[in-house]
Amino acid sequence: MIEAPPRRFVNADAARGAFGPAVDRLATMLRLGDPLADDLLEATTDLPKGALHQMVDRALREGIGSVTHAPKELRALFADLERIPVWLDKAALERGGDLLFRAGWFGGLALATSLLFGYASPGGNKPLVFSGRLAEQAPRRLIETSRFVDATCRPNGLARDGEGFAITVKVRLMHAHVRRMILRSGRWSTDDWGLPANQHDMGGTALLFSMVVIDTLTRMGFDFDEEEKHLYMQLWRYSNHLMGVHPEMQPTSYLDGRRLAEMIAATEQGPDDDSRRLSRALFSSGEDPPRATEAERRKARRLVKIGQGLIRGALGEELADNLDVPRHSFRHVFPVARAAVERVEAATKRMPRFAREEVRRRAIAQGHAYWEMISTAGTEPLTFSPPERLLGLHVELAAPKTRRGATLASVARPR
């Protein structure tokens, strides 16, 4: 007997008309977790605190064969991690991240915009709210996310000995730990929301870092060629493989990603109060840098407002309003910035090839420096460890208080 979709899955009949029976397969992903990671967490419940973390660290550094008495579940996980898919493009590991890096500071704005698209999903945002990973620890989590993206996009960051590979594995286990904590709390309704951090939402998150970043930067004026987009999408496809995302939820191309985003958007409600709470936490995290002088704080607040104006332009007015993105005069920065980027892109394309490649090389180098700066902004070492407790929240399915607005897929629709 096929289980009914969780109640968060809406408008299924209309979605079937647009996408066919694939909609019903998408619904099943809401009740599916990450079996390899979930089995490992279950099998190591009785180990001393920190023991699994130590084994994983050693396996990442020296290989699974170096871990004495490794549980069979840990060996199974690493066997899967070290399996190289036949579709993996070596050029994607080496150059896929160049698309993000050559966008420089705009790449950081694209990441923030992508996170807001994620928060707009009332089903997908619940584990974040439930665990307190953003509202209580916004600055730290944002630095962790930036480090994850930076390490993934660095040349060969996802190679077996790369930092991006190691971080991805740790984040995967963090997701499994949070999923297990939430389910054991007795305060989570699977019939309302599906499993916490389920395959449907993991696939949606994968789109945020890949297709949504491409479309956000395109809206900001960048003109990417087909090879750039292909290599960037393939890089994140491999990241999704390492993260334990189901193969059916891994976009194989930019157009495949757009279709999946449209299907997800067609079956979910618009932003809710938690969406707006997470949005406000995202912006407030940059307004008060630690140990900053008053002059530095004023500068930070001004930069946040500029960022809000640019992000509002990238999101669109309707979704920005639904997410409580402040509406102020800095919104007029977006068309000016976009026009400037478009002029630079057009002028670069008219250059002789050698000059064009030099401009590109310098932009990528500057992008590396920018991402290094923002991903190391914290004062504490990043361990990508799961939270030790959950917030005292009772999550319930409620009708959205706003009409259904633009969500994940709207970034893929040309204006």
Protein backbone atom coordinates (compact mmCIF):
# COMPACT_ATOMS: atom_id res chain seq x y z
CA MET A 1 0.00 0.00 0.00
CA ILE A 2 1.36 3.41 -0.99
CA GLU A 3 1.41 5.92 1.85
CA ALA A 4 -0.42 9.19 1.34
CA PRO A 5 1.84 12.20 0.84
CA PRO A 6 2.44 14.37 3.91
CA ARG A 7 -0.07 17.21 4.18
CA ARG A 8 2.53 19.79 3.15
CA PHE A 9 2.39 18.33 -0.39
CA VAL A 10 -0.35 20.38 -2.05
CA ASN A 11 -1.92 20.96 -5.49
CA ALA A 12 -0.95 17.46 -6.64
CA ASP A 13 -3.70 17.16 -9.26
CA ALA A 14 -2.76 20.41 -10.96
CA ALA A 15 0.94 19.47 -10.80
CA ARG A 16 0.24 16.12 -12.47
CA GLY A 17 -1.36 18.00 -15.32
CA ALA A 18 1.88 19.92 -15.86
CA PHE A 19 4.50 17.27 -15.02
CA GLY A 20 2.78 13.89 -15.27
CA PRO A 21 3.23 10.91 -12.91
CA ALA A 22 6.68 12.11 -11.83
CA VAL A 23 4.79 14.23 -9.28
CA ASP A 24 3.75 11.09 -7.38
CA ARG A 25 7.35 9.89 -7.29
CA LEU A 26 8.41 13.28 -5.96
CA ALA A 27 5.91 12.89 -3.11
CA THR A 28 7.53 9.65 -1.95
CA MET A 29 10.81 11.50 -1.41
CA LEU A 30 9.23 13.36 1.52
CA ARG A 31 9.23 10.11 3.55
CA LEU A 32 12.74 9.00 2.58
CA GLY A 33 15.88 9.76 4.57
CA ASP A 34 19.51 8.79 3.97
CA PRO A 35 19.70 5.03 4.72
CA LEU A 36 23.51 4.75 4.83
CA ALA A 37 23.95 7.68 7.21
CA ASP A 38 20.84 6.84 9.25
CA ASP A 39 21.95 3.22 9.71
CA LEU A 40 25.38 4.40 10.86
CA LEU A 41 23.91 6.72 13.49
CA GLU A 42 21.60 3.98 14.74
CA ALA A 43 24.41 1.41 14.95
CA THR A 44 26.72 3.71 16.93
CA THR A 45 24.21 5.02 19.47
CA ASP A 46 26.00 3.40 22.40
CA LEU A 47 29.51 4.55 21.50
CA PRO A 48 31.17 7.11 23.82
CA LYS A 49 30.58 10.74 22.92
CA GLY A 50 32.86 11.82 20.11
CA ALA A 51 33.91 8.27 19.15
CA LEU A 52 32.10 8.27 15.80
CA HIS A 53 33.45 11.73 15.00
CA GLN A 54 37.00 10.48 15.64
CA MET A 55 36.50 7.43 13.43
CA VAL A 56 35.09 9.53 10.61
CA ASP A 57 37.96 12.01 10.87
CA ARG A 58 40.51 9.22 10.69
CA ALA A 59 38.74 7.55 7.76
CA LEU A 60 38.72 10.87 5.90
CA ARG A 61 42.44 11.46 6.54
CA GLU A 62 43.87 7.95 6.22
CA GLY A 63 41.17 5.80 4.63
CA ILE A 64 38.58 3.49 6.15
CA GLY A 65 41.16 0.70 6.37
CA SER A 66 43.00 2.65 9.07
CA VAL A 67 39.99 2.62 11.43
CA THR A 68 40.32 -0.24 13.89
CA HIS A 69 37.09 -2.17 14.46
CA ALA A 70 35.15 0.12 12.12
CA PRO A 71 31.42 -0.70 12.24
CA LYS A 72 30.17 -2.33 9.06
CA GLU A 73 27.83 0.64 8.59
CA LEU A 74 30.81 3.01 8.51
CA ARG A 75 32.56 0.77 5.99
CA ALA A 76 29.41 0.73 3.86
CA LEU A 77 29.19 4.52 3.93
CA PHE A 78 32.80 4.98 2.84
CA ALA A 79 32.47 2.33 0.14
CA ASP A 80 29.67 4.44 -1.31
CA LEU A 81 31.57 7.71 -0.85
CA GLU A 82 34.63 6.37 -2.64
CA ARG A 83 32.65 4.96 -5.57
CA ILE A 84 33.30 7.26 -8.54
CA PRO A 85 30.16 7.65 -10.71
CA VAL A 86 30.68 7.00 -14.40
CA TRP A 87 29.27 10.45 -15.19
CA LEU A 88 31.80 12.38 -13.09
CA ASP A 89 33.60 14.93 -15.27
CA LYS A 90 37.19 15.55 -14.13
CA ALA A 91 36.98 19.08 -15.57
CA ALA A 92 34.03 19.78 -13.27
CA LEU A 93 36.16 19.06 -10.20
CA GLU A 94 38.95 21.27 -11.52
CA ARG A 95 37.01 24.19 -13.04
CA GLY A 96 33.35 23.86 -12.11
CA GLY A 97 33.61 26.40 -9.29
CA ASP A 98 35.06 29.09 -11.57
CA LEU A 99 31.52 30.26 -12.37
CA LEU A 100 30.98 31.27 -8.76
CA PHE A 101 34.45 32.68 -8.15
CA ARG A 102 34.51 34.93 -11.19
CA ALA A 103 31.34 36.59 -9.89
CA GLY A 104 33.30 37.82 -6.84
CA TRP A 105 31.23 39.69 -4.26
CA PHE A 106 28.07 39.03 -6.27
CA GLY A 107 28.59 35.33 -5.58
CA GLY A 108 28.08 35.97 -1.88
CA LEU A 109 24.87 37.83 -2.65
CA ALA A 110 23.75 34.92 -4.83
CA LEU A 111 24.34 32.52 -1.95
CA ALA A 112 22.31 34.69 0.45
CA THR A 113 19.52 34.95 -2.14
CA SER A 114 19.54 31.19 -2.59
CA LEU A 115 19.23 30.63 1.15
CA LEU A 116 16.19 32.91 1.20
CA PHE A 117 14.58 30.87 -1.58
CA GLY A 118 15.14 27.85 0.67
CA TYR A 119 13.57 29.55 3.67
CA ALA A 120 10.50 30.31 1.55
CA SER A 121 9.62 26.61 1.67
CA PRO A 122 7.53 26.11 4.84
CA GLY A 123 8.19 22.38 4.82
CA GLY A 124 11.89 22.54 4.15
CA ASN A 125 12.59 25.21 6.75
CA LYS A 126 11.10 23.32 9.72
CA PRO A 127 14.20 21.31 10.72
CA LEU A 128 16.21 24.56 10.83
CA VAL A 129 13.63 26.20 13.08
CA PHE A 130 13.20 23.08 15.19
CA SER A 131 16.92 22.61 15.81
CA GLY A 132 17.70 26.30 16.28
CA ARG A 133 20.51 26.07 13.74
CA LEU A 134 19.77 29.49 12.29
CA ALA A 135 17.75 31.64 14.66
CA GLU A 136 20.07 30.90 17.63
CA GLN A 137 23.38 30.50 15.76
CA ALA A 138 22.89 32.55 12.60
CA PRO A 139 26.42 33.99 12.22
CA ARG A 140 28.13 30.65 12.82
CA ARG A 141 25.85 28.73 10.49
CA LEU A 142 26.29 31.29 7.73
CA ILE A 143 30.07 31.04 8.02
CA GLU A 144 29.78 27.24 7.93
CA THR A 145 27.65 27.45 4.78
CA SER A 146 30.12 29.83 3.15
CA ARG A 147 33.02 27.52 4.02
CA PHE A 148 31.12 24.54 2.60
CA VAL A 149 30.44 26.37 -0.68
CA ASP A 150 33.99 27.73 -0.91
CA ALA A 151 35.58 24.34 -0.21
CA THR A 152 33.29 22.63 -2.72
CA CYS A 153 34.05 25.10 -5.51
CA ARG A 154 37.83 25.29 -5.02
CA PRO A 155 39.80 23.38 -7.66
CA ASN A 156 39.63 19.69 -6.72
CA GLY A 157 37.87 20.54 -3.47
CA LEU A 158 35.72 17.42 -3.92
CA ALA A 159 38.67 15.17 -4.71
CA ARG A 160 39.07 12.35 -2.17
CA ASP A 161 41.66 14.32 -0.20
CA GLY A 162 39.95 17.69 -0.67
CA GLU A 163 38.53 19.86 2.10
CA GLY A 164 35.18 20.02 0.32
CA PHE A 165 34.93 16.21 0.33
CA ALA A 166 35.54 16.07 4.09
CA ILE A 167 33.11 18.88 4.90
CA THR A 168 30.40 17.30 2.75
CA VAL A 169 30.69 14.01 4.63
CA LYS A 170 30.48 15.80 7.98
CA VAL A 171 27.44 17.81 6.88
CA ARG A 172 25.78 14.60 5.70
CA LEU A 173 26.22 13.04 9.12
CA MET A 174 25.05 16.26 10.76
CA HIS A 175 21.82 16.02 8.77
CA ALA A 176 21.35 12.42 9.90
CA HIS A 177 21.99 13.38 13.52
CA VAL A 178 19.47 16.24 13.40
CA ARG A 179 16.92 13.97 11.69
CA ARG A 180 17.35 11.39 14.43
CA MET A 181 17.14 13.96 17.26
CA ILE A 182 13.96 15.49 15.86
CA LEU A 183 12.25 12.15 15.32
CA ARG A 184 13.16 11.01 18.84
CA SER A 185 11.82 14.22 20.38
CA GLY A 186 8.24 13.07 19.94
CA ARG A 187 7.28 16.55 18.75
CA TRP A 188 7.54 16.05 15.01
CA SER A 189 4.60 15.15 12.74
CA THR A 190 5.76 13.03 9.82
CA ASP A 191 2.23 13.00 8.41
CA ASP A 192 2.37 16.79 8.22
CA TRP A 193 5.95 17.39 7.14
CA GLY A 194 7.51 14.12 6.04
CA LEU A 195 10.85 13.08 7.53
CA PRO A 196 13.11 15.88 8.77
CA ALA A 197 15.81 16.60 6.16
CA ASN A 198 14.15 14.22 3.72
CA GLN A 199 15.21 13.50 0.15
CA HIS A 200 12.69 15.96 -1.29
CA ASP A 201 14.18 18.81 0.75
CA MET A 202 17.76 17.64 0.23
CA GLY A 203 17.12 17.79 -3.51
CA GLY A 204 15.64 21.26 -3.16
CA THR A 205 18.67 22.40 -1.19
CA ALA A 206 20.94 21.01 -3.90
CA LEU A 207 19.14 23.24 -6.39
CA LEU A 208 19.81 26.30 -4.22
CA PHE A 209 23.58 25.91 -4.53
CA SER A 210 23.52 25.05 -8.23
CA MET A 211 20.70 26.15 -10.54
CA VAL A 212 19.45 28.96 -8.30
CA VAL A 213 22.95 30.47 -7.98
CA ILE A 214 23.31 30.44 -11.78
CA ASP A 215 19.94 32.11 -12.30
CA THR A 216 20.49 34.66 -9.53
CA LEU A 217 23.83 35.72 -11.01
CA THR A 218 22.26 35.83 -14.46
CA ARG A 219 19.63 38.20 -13.11
CA MET A 220 22.44 40.31 -11.74
CA GLY A 221 23.86 40.69 -15.25
CA PHE A 222 26.37 37.86 -15.67
CA ASP A 223 26.49 36.09 -19.03
CA PHE A 224 27.63 32.51 -18.56
CA ASP A 225 28.36 30.26 -21.51
CA GLU A 226 27.00 26.73 -21.73
CA GLU A 227 30.27 25.10 -20.66
CA GLU A 228 30.45 27.19 -17.50
CA LYS A 229 26.92 26.23 -16.53
CA HIS A 230 27.49 22.57 -17.40
CA LEU A 231 30.65 22.24 -15.32
CA TYR A 232 29.11 24.09 -12.37
CA MET A 233 26.01 21.86 -12.42
CA GLN A 234 28.15 18.72 -12.66
CA LEU A 235 30.30 19.84 -9.74
CA TRP A 236 27.21 20.16 -7.55
CA ARG A 237 25.77 16.93 -8.89
CA TYR A 238 28.83 15.16 -7.48
CA SER A 239 28.48 17.11 -4.22
CA ASN A 240 24.89 15.83 -4.04
CA HIS A 241 26.13 12.29 -4.60
CA LEU A 242 28.54 12.63 -1.67
CA MET A 243 25.80 14.24 0.44
CA GLY A 244 23.57 11.20 0.03
CA VAL A 245 20.96 12.87 -2.18
CA HIS A 246 18.87 10.29 -4.02
CA PRO A 247 19.97 9.95 -7.67
CA GLU A 248 16.46 10.87 -8.85
CA MET A 249 16.79 14.20 -7.01
CA GLN A 250 20.18 15.06 -8.54
CA PRO A 251 19.74 17.37 -11.55
CA THR A 252 21.80 16.15 -14.49
CA SER A 253 21.84 19.54 -16.21
CA TYR A 254 20.78 23.15 -15.82
CA LEU A 255 17.48 22.52 -17.64
CA ASP A 256 16.85 19.40 -15.56
CA GLY A 257 17.33 21.53 -12.46
CA ARG A 258 14.81 24.09 -13.68
CA ARG A 259 12.20 21.40 -14.26
CA LEU A 260 12.71 19.92 -10.79
CA ALA A 261 12.49 23.38 -9.21
CA GLU A 262 9.22 24.07 -11.02
CA MET A 263 7.78 20.74 -9.87
CA ILE A 264 8.73 21.36 -6.24
CA ALA A 265 7.26 24.86 -6.35
CA ALA A 266 4.01 23.57 -7.84
CA THR A 267 3.40 21.30 -4.84
CA GLU A 268 4.29 23.48 -1.87
CA GLN A 269 2.76 26.38 -0.02
CA GLY A 270 4.19 29.88 0.11
CA PRO A 271 6.36 31.40 2.86
CA ASP A 272 5.11 31.20 6.46
CA ASP A 273 6.02 32.93 9.71
CA ASP A 274 9.06 30.69 10.14
CA SER A 275 10.23 31.74 6.67
CA ARG A 276 10.15 35.37 7.74
CA ARG A 277 11.84 34.59 11.06
CA LEU A 278 14.72 32.88 9.27
CA SER A 279 14.95 35.73 6.76
CA ARG A 280 15.26 38.31 9.54
CA ALA A 281 17.92 36.19 11.26
CA LEU A 282 19.93 36.03 8.04
CA PHE A 283 20.09 39.81 7.72
CA SER A 284 20.58 40.58 11.39
CA SER A 285 23.62 38.29 11.54
CA GLY A 286 25.64 40.74 9.45
CA GLU A 287 24.64 43.93 11.25
CA ASP A 288 26.71 43.52 14.41
CA PRO A 289 30.15 41.98 13.71
CA PRO A 290 31.90 40.64 16.83
CA ARG A 291 34.50 42.93 18.42
CA ALA A 292 33.78 45.65 15.83
CA THR A 293 34.13 49.35 16.53
CA GLU A 294 31.08 51.60 16.24
CA ALA A 295 32.33 52.91 12.90
CA GLU A 296 32.72 49.33 11.65
CA ARG A 297 29.20 48.51 12.83
CA ARG A 298 27.78 51.49 10.95
CA LYS A 299 29.59 50.36 7.82
CA ALA A 300 28.31 46.80 8.30
CA ARG A 301 24.72 48.01 8.65
CA ARG A 302 25.07 50.06 5.48
CA LEU A 303 26.46 47.08 3.58
CA VAL A 304 23.57 44.93 4.84
CA LYS A 305 21.13 47.49 3.44
CA ILE A 306 22.89 47.48 0.07
CA GLY A 307 22.73 43.70 0.12
CA GLN A 308 19.03 43.82 0.97
CA GLY A 309 18.40 46.09 -2.00
CA LEU A 310 20.25 43.78 -4.38
CA ILE A 311 18.62 40.66 -2.95
CA ARG A 312 15.17 42.25 -3.24
CA GLY A 313 15.82 42.79 -6.94
CA ALA A 314 16.97 39.19 -7.37
CA LEU A 315 14.02 37.73 -5.45
CA GLY A 316 11.34 39.90 -7.01
CA GLU A 317 9.01 42.23 -5.12
CA GLU A 318 6.34 39.69 -4.21
CA LEU A 319 8.62 37.08 -2.66
CA ALA A 320 10.77 39.75 -1.01
CA ASP A 321 7.67 41.18 0.69
CA ASN A 322 6.55 37.69 1.76
CA LEU A 323 9.97 37.15 3.35
CA ASP A 324 10.07 40.52 5.11
CA VAL A 325 13.07 41.74 3.14
CA PRO A 326 13.14 45.44 4.08
CA ARG A 327 11.89 47.80 1.40
CA HIS A 328 14.00 50.96 1.35
CA SER A 329 15.76 53.26 -1.08
CA PHE A 330 18.66 50.83 -1.56
CA ARG A 331 16.37 48.71 -3.73
CA HIS A 332 17.25 51.11 -6.55
CA VAL A 333 20.84 49.82 -6.41
CA PHE A 334 19.83 46.59 -8.17
CA PRO A 335 19.15 47.95 -11.71
CA VAL A 336 22.26 50.13 -11.50
CA ALA A 337 24.46 47.20 -10.43
CA ARG A 338 22.94 44.92 -13.05
CA ALA A 339 23.57 47.44 -15.82
CA ALA A 340 27.19 47.81 -14.70
CA VAL A 341 27.75 44.06 -14.68
CA GLU A 342 26.13 43.72 -18.12
CA ARG A 343 28.46 46.38 -19.54
CA VAL A 344 31.55 44.67 -18.13
CA GLU A 345 30.40 41.27 -19.42
CA ALA A 346 29.70 42.65 -22.90
CA ALA A 347 33.02 44.51 -23.06
CA THR A 348 34.92 41.41 -21.93
CA LYS A 349 33.32 39.25 -24.61
CA ARG A 350 34.47 41.71 -27.30
CA MET A 351 38.12 41.42 -26.22
CA PRO A 352 40.65 39.24 -28.03
CA ARG A 353 40.78 35.77 -26.56
CA PHE A 354 44.09 36.24 -24.70
CA ALA A 355 42.82 39.43 -23.04
CA ARG A 356 39.49 37.84 -22.22
CA GLU A 357 41.20 34.91 -20.54
CA GLU A 358 43.41 37.25 -18.50
CA VAL A 359 40.38 39.20 -17.27
CA ARG A 360 38.70 35.94 -16.37
CA ARG A 361 41.80 34.66 -14.54
CA ARG A 362 42.05 37.83 -12.45
CA ALA A 363 38.34 37.79 -11.62
CA ILE A 364 38.59 34.18 -10.44
CA ALA A 365 41.64 35.00 -8.29
CA GLN A 366 39.78 37.91 -6.69
CA GLY A 367 36.81 35.61 -6.12
CA HIS A 368 39.03 33.12 -4.32
CA ALA A 369 40.26 35.90 -2.03
CA TYR A 370 36.71 37.10 -1.34
CA TRP A 371 35.41 33.64 -0.44
CA GLU A 372 38.47 32.94 1.70
CA MET A 373 37.70 36.13 3.62
CA ILE A 374 34.01 35.45 4.29
CA SER A 375 34.42 31.75 5.01
CA THR A 376 37.08 32.37 7.69
CA ALA A 377 35.37 35.30 9.37
CA GLY A 378 34.59 33.44 12.59
CA THR A 379 36.82 33.25 15.63
CA GLU A 380 36.03 29.62 16.53
CA PRO A 381 37.17 26.57 14.54
CA LEU A 382 34.46 25.08 12.34
CA THR A 383 33.73 21.44 13.17
CA PHE A 384 30.41 21.03 11.31
CA SER A 385 29.10 19.21 14.34
CA PRO A 386 25.37 18.74 15.02
CA PRO A 387 23.53 20.73 17.70
CA GLU A 388 23.48 19.15 21.14
CA ARG A 389 19.86 20.11 21.85
CA LEU A 390 16.63 21.09 20.17
CA LEU A 391 14.56 24.17 20.78
CA GLY A 392 11.39 23.75 22.85
CA LEU A 393 9.10 24.11 19.85
CA HIS A 394 5.97 22.26 18.84
CA VAL A 395 5.81 22.35 15.08
CA GLU A 396 2.32 22.18 13.60
CA LEU A 397 1.01 22.31 10.07
CA ALA A 398 -0.92 25.53 9.62
CA ALA A 399 -2.50 27.24 6.65
CA PRO A 400 -0.14 29.91 5.28
CA LYS A 401 -1.02 33.40 6.40
CA THR A 402 -0.05 34.85 3.03
CA ARG A 403 -1.28 33.89 -0.37
CA ARG A 404 0.84 31.45 -2.29
CA GLY A 405 3.71 33.46 -3.72
CA ALA A 406 6.81 32.90 -5.79
CA THR A 407 9.05 30.23 -4.38
CA LEU A 408 12.08 28.21 -5.47
CA ALA A 409 11.15 27.96 -9.13
CA SER A 410 10.48 31.65 -9.65
CA VAL A 411 14.19 32.34 -9.95
CA ALA A 412 14.22 30.12 -13.03
CA ARG A 413 11.51 32.07 -14.82
CA PRO A 414 12.81 34.87 -17.04
CA ARG A 415 11.47 38.32 -16.38
